[in-house]
Amino acid sequence: MDLFAGASSPVSEAVAALGLDRCEPIDLLSGPRVDVLHDGQFQFLARLCSSGLVGAAVAGPPCSAFSRARLRPGGPKPVRAVAHPEGIPDPDPRQADELTKSALLHERARVLLQLVASRGGLVIFENPTSSFTWASAAMTSWVRSTAPTLVQVAGCAHGMNAAKSWLLACNFDTASALQSSCPRPPGYHPAVSGKQLPDGTFATRLTARYPASMAQAIASALAPALTSRLGLVDYHTWTSLLPSA
């Protein structure tokens, strides 16, 4: 079966359309109430990723604390900067808390993918191309050791009229087929970075969800690693799939 998290939930829907097995997307916003930052829940999730039941996993942890858009005026205080991608010097208590939690969330996403990969599964770590996560030493090391195939996907290649792209770190060479780039000059597509909506939220939230064709392409790339016997597996009951002694 497959396991998906974060903005990659549309991939789970695409996997379902292919008739393949999948676990409920692990997402506080749209799936089981699983908090990866909670030690007990993380350990339960790690057991699943270590079980050999997961043939493919995609992690798209939140990128807000890693966003370059926050360097612009009018938004939340930035916690990272170009010269300090790991974290700004002398953060205030709120910034320090955000730095700690965001770094741990990304670290645990990598750990879970590493566990799936260690059992022969296909894995993808996703964040926007501009995310500071790609400049961290921990991410660089993880990419080299676990997911060395880097693929950029342009939003406009999948019908999105916005200056948006994602970077995927994958552990399988065939992922290169997902590569796309925008052939148009800079400024052609409307910028969403730093733009606020009438309700005060940032426009980048509207581009977080993968376009349907992108989700379908990722699902098709992962399909060889997935089975078609179980359908949707309830996250809390996965242990029933383990073989008896």
C-alpha atoms as a PDB file:
ATOM      1  CA  MET A   1       0.000   0.000   0.000  1.00  0.00           C
ATOM      2  CA  ASP A   2       1.021   3.648  -0.099  1.00  0.00           C
ATOM      3  CA  LEU A   3       1.309   6.317   2.563  1.00  0.00           C
ATOM      4  CA  PHE A   4       0.923  10.012   1.892  1.00  0.00           C
ATOM      5  CA  ALA A   5       1.220  13.205   3.890  1.00  0.00           C
ATOM      6  CA  GLY A   6       0.698  16.939   3.621  1.00  0.00           C
ATOM      7  CA  ALA A   7      -0.005  18.560   0.269  1.00  0.00           C
ATOM      8  CA  SER A   8       0.359  15.214  -1.452  1.00  0.00           C
ATOM      9  CA  SER A   9      -3.159  14.069  -0.471  1.00  0.00           C
ATOM     10  CA  PRO A  10      -4.279  14.529  -4.112  1.00  0.00           C
ATOM     11  CA  VAL A  11      -1.753  11.807  -4.982  1.00  0.00           C
ATOM     12  CA  SER A  12      -3.629   9.418  -2.716  1.00  0.00           C
ATOM     13  CA  GLU A  13      -6.800  10.259  -4.616  1.00  0.00           C
ATOM     14  CA  ALA A  14      -4.990   9.554  -7.882  1.00  0.00           C
ATOM     15  CA  VAL A  15      -3.730   6.236  -6.500  1.00  0.00           C
ATOM     16  CA  ALA A  16      -7.320   5.351  -5.620  1.00  0.00           C
ATOM     17  CA  ALA A  17      -8.383   6.136  -9.191  1.00  0.00           C
ATOM     18  CA  LEU A  18      -5.811   3.582 -10.387  1.00  0.00           C
ATOM     19  CA  GLY A  19      -7.397   0.956  -8.133  1.00  0.00           C
ATOM     20  CA  LEU A  20      -4.303   0.618  -5.956  1.00  0.00           C
ATOM     21  CA  ASP A  21      -4.002   0.122  -2.219  1.00  0.00           C
ATOM     22  CA  ARG A  22      -3.394   3.113   0.022  1.00  0.00           C
ATOM     23  CA  CYS A  23      -3.331   4.194   3.626  1.00  0.00           C
ATOM     24  CA  GLU A  24      -5.293   7.210   4.805  1.00  0.00           C
ATOM     25  CA  PRO A  25      -3.275  10.386   4.160  1.00  0.00           C
ATOM     26  CA  ILE A  26      -1.473  11.388   7.343  1.00  0.00           C
ATOM     27  CA  ASP A  27      -2.359  15.049   7.673  1.00  0.00           C
ATOM     28  CA  LEU A  28      -3.666  17.040  10.630  1.00  0.00           C
ATOM     29  CA  LEU A  29      -5.815  19.083   8.261  1.00  0.00           C
ATOM     30  CA  SER A  30      -7.385  16.408   6.073  1.00  0.00           C
ATOM     31  CA  GLY A  31      -6.711  12.974   7.530  1.00  0.00           C
ATOM     32  CA  PRO A  32      -6.427  11.086  10.804  1.00  0.00           C
ATOM     33  CA  ARG A  33      -5.554  13.291  13.753  1.00  0.00           C
ATOM     34  CA  VAL A  34      -1.923  12.247  13.743  1.00  0.00           C
ATOM     35  CA  ASP A  35       0.601  14.760  15.041  1.00  0.00           C
ATOM     36  CA  VAL A  36       4.062  13.767  13.837  1.00  0.00           C
ATOM     37  CA  LEU A  37       5.528  16.006  16.547  1.00  0.00           C
ATOM     38  CA  HIS A  38       3.884  13.858  19.243  1.00  0.00           C
ATOM     39  CA  ASP A  39       6.475  11.254  20.240  1.00  0.00           C
ATOM     40  CA  GLY A  40       4.013   8.404  20.747  1.00  0.00           C
ATOM     41  CA  GLN A  41       2.178   9.030  17.483  1.00  0.00           C
ATOM     42  CA  PHE A  42       5.459   9.385  15.617  1.00  0.00           C
ATOM     43  CA  GLN A  43       6.660   6.055  16.999  1.00  0.00           C
ATOM     44  CA  PHE A  44       3.432   4.370  15.884  1.00  0.00           C
ATOM     45  CA  LEU A  45       3.872   5.851  12.415  1.00  0.00           C
ATOM     46  CA  ALA A  46       7.522   4.758  12.378  1.00  0.00           C
ATOM     47  CA  ARG A  47       6.396   1.186  13.085  1.00  0.00           C
ATOM     48  CA  LEU A  48       4.152   1.331  10.047  1.00  0.00           C
ATOM     49  CA  CYS A  49       6.962   2.689   7.864  1.00  0.00           C
ATOM     50  CA  SER A  50       9.273  -0.061   9.141  1.00  0.00           C
ATOM     51  CA  SER A  51       6.747  -2.855   8.605  1.00  0.00           C
ATOM     52  CA  GLY A  52       7.423  -3.513   4.936  1.00  0.00           C
ATOM     53  CA  LEU A  53       3.748  -2.885   4.175  1.00  0.00           C
ATOM     54  CA  VAL A  54       4.390   0.545   2.653  1.00  0.00           C
ATOM     55  CA  GLY A  55       5.514   0.309  -0.952  1.00  0.00           C
ATOM     56  CA  ALA A  56       5.641   4.053  -1.590  1.00  0.00           C
ATOM     57  CA  ALA A  57       5.495   7.223   0.485  1.00  0.00           C
ATOM     58  CA  VAL A  58       5.375  10.924  -0.292  1.00  0.00           C
ATOM     59  CA  ALA A  59       6.059  13.529   2.399  1.00  0.00           C
ATOM     60  CA  GLY A  60       5.230  17.176   1.854  1.00  0.00           C
ATOM     61  CA  PRO A  61       5.760  18.794   5.277  1.00  0.00           C
ATOM     62  CA  PRO A  62       4.585  22.404   5.768  1.00  0.00           C
ATOM     63  CA  CYS A  63       6.987  24.943   4.334  1.00  0.00           C
ATOM     64  CA  SER A  64       5.776  28.116   6.081  1.00  0.00           C
ATOM     65  CA  ALA A  65       8.736  28.320   8.445  1.00  0.00           C
ATOM     66  CA  PHE A  66      11.072  27.696   5.481  1.00  0.00           C
ATOM     67  CA  SER A  67       9.434  30.239   3.155  1.00  0.00           C
ATOM     68  CA  ARG A  68      11.433  33.025   1.551  1.00  0.00           C
ATOM     69  CA  ALA A  69       8.175  34.990   1.173  1.00  0.00           C
ATOM     70  CA  ARG A  70       8.368  35.829   4.865  1.00  0.00           C
ATOM     71  CA  LEU A  71      11.455  37.951   4.166  1.00  0.00           C
ATOM     72  CA  ARG A  72       9.117  40.453   2.526  1.00  0.00           C
ATOM     73  CA  PRO A  73       7.351  43.148   4.578  1.00  0.00           C
ATOM     74  CA  GLY A  74       3.779  42.648   5.724  1.00  0.00           C
ATOM     75  CA  GLY A  75       3.911  39.007   6.727  1.00  0.00           C
ATOM     76  CA  PRO A  76       4.855  36.972   9.783  1.00  0.00           C
ATOM     77  CA  LYS A  77       8.350  37.450  11.148  1.00  0.00           C
ATOM     78  CA  PRO A  78      10.836  35.254   9.277  1.00  0.00           C
ATOM     79  CA  VAL A  79      12.666  32.561  11.205  1.00  0.00           C
ATOM     80  CA  ARG A  80      15.174  31.753   8.470  1.00  0.00           C
ATOM     81  CA  ALA A  81      17.148  33.910   6.036  1.00  0.00           C
ATOM     82  CA  VAL A  82      19.406  33.493   3.018  1.00  0.00           C
ATOM     83  CA  ALA A  83      22.494  33.779   5.211  1.00  0.00           C
ATOM     84  CA  HIS A  84      20.895  31.662   7.953  1.00  0.00           C
ATOM     85  CA  PRO A  85      18.849  28.854   6.353  1.00  0.00           C
ATOM     86  CA  GLU A  86      19.067  26.817   9.578  1.00  0.00           C
ATOM     87  CA  GLY A  87      17.605  29.659  11.643  1.00  0.00           C
ATOM     88  CA  ILE A  88      18.132  33.346  12.344  1.00  0.00           C
ATOM     89  CA  PRO A  89      20.488  34.388  15.159  1.00  0.00           C
ATOM     90  CA  ASP A  90      18.893  35.438  18.450  1.00  0.00           C
ATOM     91  CA  PRO A  91      15.266  34.496  17.696  1.00  0.00           C
ATOM     92  CA  ASP A  92      12.589  35.664  20.124  1.00  0.00           C
ATOM     93  CA  PRO A  93      10.770  32.922  22.089  1.00  0.00           C
ATOM     94  CA  ARG A  94       8.005  32.519  19.515  1.00  0.00           C
ATOM     95  CA  GLN A  95      10.486  32.342  16.633  1.00  0.00           C
ATOM     96  CA  ALA A  96      12.639  29.869  18.557  1.00  0.00           C
ATOM     97  CA  ASP A  97       9.629  27.625  19.133  1.00  0.00           C
ATOM     98  CA  GLU A  98       8.698  27.771  15.447  1.00  0.00           C
ATOM     99  CA  LEU A  99      12.269  26.983  14.438  1.00  0.00           C
ATOM    100  CA  THR A 100      12.448  23.972  16.731  1.00  0.00           C
ATOM    101  CA  LYS A 101       9.092  22.529  15.697  1.00  0.00           C
ATOM    102  CA  SER A 102       9.552  23.097  11.960  1.00  0.00           C
ATOM    103  CA  ALA A 103      13.032  21.557  11.953  1.00  0.00           C
ATOM    104  CA  LEU A 104      11.787  18.529  13.904  1.00  0.00           C
ATOM    105  CA  LEU A 105       8.811  18.067  11.584  1.00  0.00           C
ATOM    106  CA  HIS A 106      11.026  18.024   8.496  1.00  0.00           C
ATOM    107  CA  GLU A 107      13.521  15.757  10.227  1.00  0.00           C
ATOM    108  CA  ARG A 108      10.829  13.265  11.176  1.00  0.00           C
ATOM    109  CA  ALA A 109       9.431  13.311   7.644  1.00  0.00           C
ATOM    110  CA  ARG A 110      12.878  12.327   6.396  1.00  0.00           C
ATOM    111  CA  VAL A 111      13.188   9.606   9.036  1.00  0.00           C
ATOM    112  CA  LEU A 112       9.846   8.080   8.019  1.00  0.00           C
ATOM    113  CA  LEU A 113      10.789   8.098   4.348  1.00  0.00           C
ATOM    114  CA  GLN A 114      14.165   6.560   5.206  1.00  0.00           C
ATOM    115  CA  LEU A 115      12.367   3.719   6.993  1.00  0.00           C
ATOM    116  CA  VAL A 116      10.180   3.060   3.941  1.00  0.00           C
ATOM    117  CA  ALA A 117      13.207   3.198   1.641  1.00  0.00           C
ATOM    118  CA  SER A 118      15.120   0.774   3.866  1.00  0.00           C
ATOM    119  CA  ARG A 119      12.424  -1.820   3.189  1.00  0.00           C
ATOM    120  CA  GLY A 120      12.640  -1.314  -0.569  1.00  0.00           C
ATOM    121  CA  GLY A 121       9.881   1.286  -0.924  1.00  0.00           C
ATOM    122  CA  LEU A 122       9.801   4.284  -3.249  1.00  0.00           C
ATOM    123  CA  VAL A 123       9.928   7.670  -1.517  1.00  0.00           C
ATOM    124  CA  ILE A 124       9.490  11.328  -2.411  1.00  0.00           C
ATOM    125  CA  PHE A 125      10.169  14.356  -0.207  1.00  0.00           C
ATOM    126  CA  GLU A 126       8.496  17.492  -1.584  1.00  0.00           C
ATOM    127  CA  ASN A 127       8.756  21.184  -0.831  1.00  0.00           C
ATOM    128  CA  PRO A 128       8.615  24.322  -2.992  1.00  0.00           C
ATOM    129  CA  THR A 129      11.757  24.870  -5.008  1.00  0.00           C
ATOM    130  CA  SER A 130      12.462  28.074  -3.070  1.00  0.00           C
ATOM    131  CA  SER A 131      12.094  26.471   0.380  1.00  0.00           C
ATOM    132  CA  PHE A 132      14.996  26.997   2.772  1.00  0.00           C
ATOM    133  CA  THR A 133      14.775  23.311   3.660  1.00  0.00           C
ATOM    134  CA  TRP A 134      16.878  22.523   0.582  1.00  0.00           C
ATOM    135  CA  ALA A 135      19.709  24.687   1.944  1.00  0.00           C
ATOM    136  CA  SER A 136      19.959  22.892   5.284  1.00  0.00           C
ATOM    137  CA  ALA A 137      22.897  20.610   5.960  1.00  0.00           C
ATOM    138  CA  ALA A 138      20.593  17.862   7.225  1.00  0.00           C
ATOM    139  CA  MET A 139      18.567  17.882   4.015  1.00  0.00           C
ATOM    140  CA  THR A 140      21.669  17.909   1.826  1.00  0.00           C
ATOM    141  CA  SER A 141      23.020  14.871   3.657  1.00  0.00           C
ATOM    142  CA  TRP A 142      19.677  13.054   3.472  1.00  0.00           C
ATOM    143  CA  VAL A 143      19.319  13.689  -0.252  1.00  0.00           C
ATOM    144  CA  ARG A 144      22.793  12.309  -0.932  1.00  0.00           C
ATOM    145  CA  SER A 145      22.238   9.182   1.141  1.00  0.00           C
ATOM    146  CA  THR A 146      18.566   8.417   0.503  1.00  0.00           C
ATOM    147  CA  ALA A 147      16.927  10.328  -2.340  1.00  0.00           C
ATOM    148  CA  PRO A 148      19.520  11.566  -4.825  1.00  0.00           C
ATOM    149  CA  THR A 149      17.161  12.029  -7.786  1.00  0.00           C
ATOM    150  CA  LEU A 150      16.036  15.672  -7.737  1.00  0.00           C
ATOM    151  CA  VAL A 151      13.105  16.633  -9.933  1.00  0.00           C
ATOM    152  CA  GLN A 152      11.628  20.091 -10.413  1.00  0.00           C
ATOM    153  CA  VAL A 153       7.982  20.334 -11.416  1.00  0.00           C
ATOM    154  CA  ALA A 154       6.587  23.583 -12.842  1.00  0.00           C
ATOM    155  CA  GLY A 155       3.035  24.500 -11.911  1.00  0.00           C
ATOM    156  CA  CYS A 156       2.303  25.838 -15.397  1.00  0.00           C
ATOM    157  CA  ALA A 157       3.127  22.427 -16.865  1.00  0.00           C
ATOM    158  CA  HIS A 158       0.014  21.225 -15.051  1.00  0.00           C
ATOM    159  CA  GLY A 159      -2.343  24.085 -15.855  1.00  0.00           C
ATOM    160  CA  MET A 160      -1.480  26.415 -12.964  1.00  0.00           C
ATOM    161  CA  ASN A 161      -1.181  30.070 -13.947  1.00  0.00           C
ATOM    162  CA  ALA A 162       1.201  31.057 -11.167  1.00  0.00           C
ATOM    163  CA  ALA A 163       4.917  31.409 -10.600  1.00  0.00           C
ATOM    164  CA  LYS A 164       5.073  28.137  -8.695  1.00  0.00           C
ATOM    165  CA  SER A 165       7.311  25.097  -8.762  1.00  0.00           C
ATOM    166  CA  TRP A 166       8.031  22.131  -6.532  1.00  0.00           C
ATOM    167  CA  LEU A 167      11.238  20.199  -5.945  1.00  0.00           C
ATOM    168  CA  LEU A 168      10.976  16.457  -5.371  1.00  0.00           C
ATOM    169  CA  ALA A 169      13.791  14.416  -3.836  1.00  0.00           C
ATOM    170  CA  CYS A 170      13.274  10.790  -4.906  1.00  0.00           C
ATOM    171  CA  ASN A 171      15.059   7.469  -4.493  1.00  0.00           C
ATOM    172  CA  PHE A 172      14.176   6.068  -7.933  1.00  0.00           C
ATOM    173  CA  ASP A 173      15.580   7.095 -11.319  1.00  0.00           C
ATOM    174  CA  THR A 174      12.287   6.859 -13.204  1.00  0.00           C
ATOM    175  CA  ALA A 175      11.076   9.890 -11.229  1.00  0.00           C
ATOM    176  CA  SER A 176      13.012  12.008 -13.745  1.00  0.00           C
ATOM    177  CA  ALA A 177      10.040  11.577 -16.079  1.00  0.00           C
ATOM    178  CA  LEU A 178       8.144  13.975 -13.789  1.00  0.00           C
ATOM    179  CA  GLN A 179      10.562  16.826 -14.595  1.00  0.00           C
ATOM    180  CA  SER A 180       9.111  19.961 -16.145  1.00  0.00           C
ATOM    181  CA  SER A 181      10.105  23.604 -16.427  1.00  0.00           C
ATOM    182  CA  CYS A 182       8.427  26.837 -17.438  1.00  0.00           C
ATOM    183  CA  PRO A 183       9.479  27.911 -20.943  1.00  0.00           C
ATOM    184  CA  ARG A 184       8.267  31.495 -20.471  1.00  0.00           C
ATOM    185  CA  PRO A 185      10.290  34.498 -19.267  1.00  0.00           C
ATOM    186  CA  PRO A 186      10.318  35.540 -15.594  1.00  0.00           C
ATOM    187  CA  GLY A 187       7.246  37.594 -14.711  1.00  0.00           C
ATOM    188  CA  TYR A 188       4.976  35.910 -17.261  1.00  0.00           C
ATOM    189  CA  HIS A 189       2.942  34.140 -14.571  1.00  0.00           C
ATOM    190  CA  PRO A 190       1.362  36.094 -11.697  1.00  0.00           C
ATOM    191  CA  ALA A 191       3.495  36.023  -8.570  1.00  0.00           C
ATOM    192  CA  VAL A 192       1.848  34.559  -5.488  1.00  0.00           C
ATOM    193  CA  SER A 193       4.768  34.780  -3.089  1.00  0.00           C
ATOM    194  CA  GLY A 194       4.127  37.448  -0.463  1.00  0.00           C
ATOM    195  CA  LYS A 195       0.627  38.242  -1.746  1.00  0.00           C
ATOM    196  CA  GLN A 196      -2.164  38.395   0.822  1.00  0.00           C
ATOM    197  CA  LEU A 197      -5.819  37.497   0.303  1.00  0.00           C
ATOM    198  CA  PRO A 198      -8.714  39.638   1.611  1.00  0.00           C
ATOM    199  CA  ASP A 199      -8.984  37.434   4.722  1.00  0.00           C
ATOM    200  CA  GLY A 200      -5.344  38.102   5.593  1.00  0.00           C
ATOM    201  CA  THR A 201      -4.007  34.670   4.618  1.00  0.00           C
ATOM    202  CA  PHE A 202      -1.292  34.324   2.003  1.00  0.00           C
ATOM    203  CA  ALA A 203      -2.027  33.472  -1.616  1.00  0.00           C
ATOM    204  CA  THR A 204       0.588  30.732  -1.587  1.00  0.00           C
ATOM    205  CA  ARG A 205      -1.907  28.594   0.362  1.00  0.00           C
ATOM    206  CA  LEU A 206      -4.009  28.422  -2.807  1.00  0.00           C
ATOM    207  CA  THR A 207      -1.128  26.795  -4.678  1.00  0.00           C
ATOM    208  CA  ALA A 208      -0.226  24.206  -2.040  1.00  0.00           C
ATOM    209  CA  ARG A 209      -2.511  21.504  -3.411  1.00  0.00           C
ATOM    210  CA  TYR A 210      -1.048  19.596  -6.347  1.00  0.00           C
ATOM    211  CA  PRO A 211      -2.857  20.025  -9.674  1.00  0.00           C
ATOM    212  CA  ALA A 212      -4.746  16.873 -10.692  1.00  0.00           C
ATOM    213  CA  SER A 213      -2.434  16.053 -13.610  1.00  0.00           C
ATOM    214  CA  MET A 214       0.653  16.368 -11.384  1.00  0.00           C
ATOM    215  CA  ALA A 215      -0.901  14.064  -8.804  1.00  0.00           C
ATOM    216  CA  GLN A 216      -1.777  11.582 -11.529  1.00  0.00           C
ATOM    217  CA  ALA A 217       1.784  11.632 -12.875  1.00  0.00           C
ATOM    218  CA  ILE A 218       3.240  10.976  -9.414  1.00  0.00           C
ATOM    219  CA  ALA A 219       0.741   8.189  -8.738  1.00  0.00           C
ATOM    220  CA  SER A 220       1.612   6.529 -12.033  1.00  0.00           C
ATOM    221  CA  ALA A 221       5.336   6.738 -11.219  1.00  0.00           C
ATOM    222  CA  LEU A 222       4.730   5.029  -7.873  1.00  0.00           C
ATOM    223  CA  ALA A 223       2.251   2.456  -9.192  1.00  0.00           C
ATOM    224  CA  PRO A 224       4.824  -0.339  -9.815  1.00  0.00           C
ATOM    225  CA  ALA A 225       5.540  -0.430  -6.060  1.00  0.00           C
ATOM    226  CA  LEU A 226       1.890  -0.700  -5.018  1.00  0.00           C
ATOM    227  CA  THR A 227      -0.580  -3.569  -4.687  1.00  0.00           C
ATOM    228  CA  SER A 228      -4.276  -3.773  -5.507  1.00  0.00           C
ATOM    229  CA  ARG A 229      -5.858  -6.017  -2.889  1.00  0.00           C
ATOM    230  CA  LEU A 230      -6.878  -3.887   0.069  1.00  0.00           C
ATOM    231  CA  GLY A 231      -8.255  -0.560  -1.120  1.00  0.00           C
ATOM    232  CA  LEU A 232      -8.209   2.098   1.595  1.00  0.00           C
ATOM    233  CA  VAL A 233      -6.532   0.997   4.828  1.00  0.00           C
ATOM    234  CA  ASP A 234      -7.531   2.696   8.073  1.00  0.00           C
ATOM    235  CA  TYR A 235      -4.352   4.092   9.599  1.00  0.00           C
ATOM    236  CA  HIS A 236      -5.286   2.928  13.090  1.00  0.00           C
ATOM    237  CA  THR A 237      -5.861  -0.690  12.012  1.00  0.00           C
ATOM    238  CA  TRP A 238      -2.774  -1.332   9.877  1.00  0.00           C
ATOM    239  CA  THR A 239      -1.335  -3.747  12.442  1.00  0.00           C
ATOM    240  CA  SER A 240      -4.056  -6.246  11.496  1.00  0.00           C
ATOM    241  CA  LEU A 241      -2.258  -6.665   8.161  1.00  0.00           C
ATOM    242  CA  LEU A 242       0.888  -8.013   9.787  1.00  0.00           C
ATOM    243  CA  PRO A 243       1.394 -11.789   9.416  1.00  0.00           C
ATOM    244  CA  SER A 244       0.707 -13.840  12.499  1.00  0.00           C
ATOM    245  CA  ALA A 245       3.661 -15.487  14.204  1.00  0.00           C
END
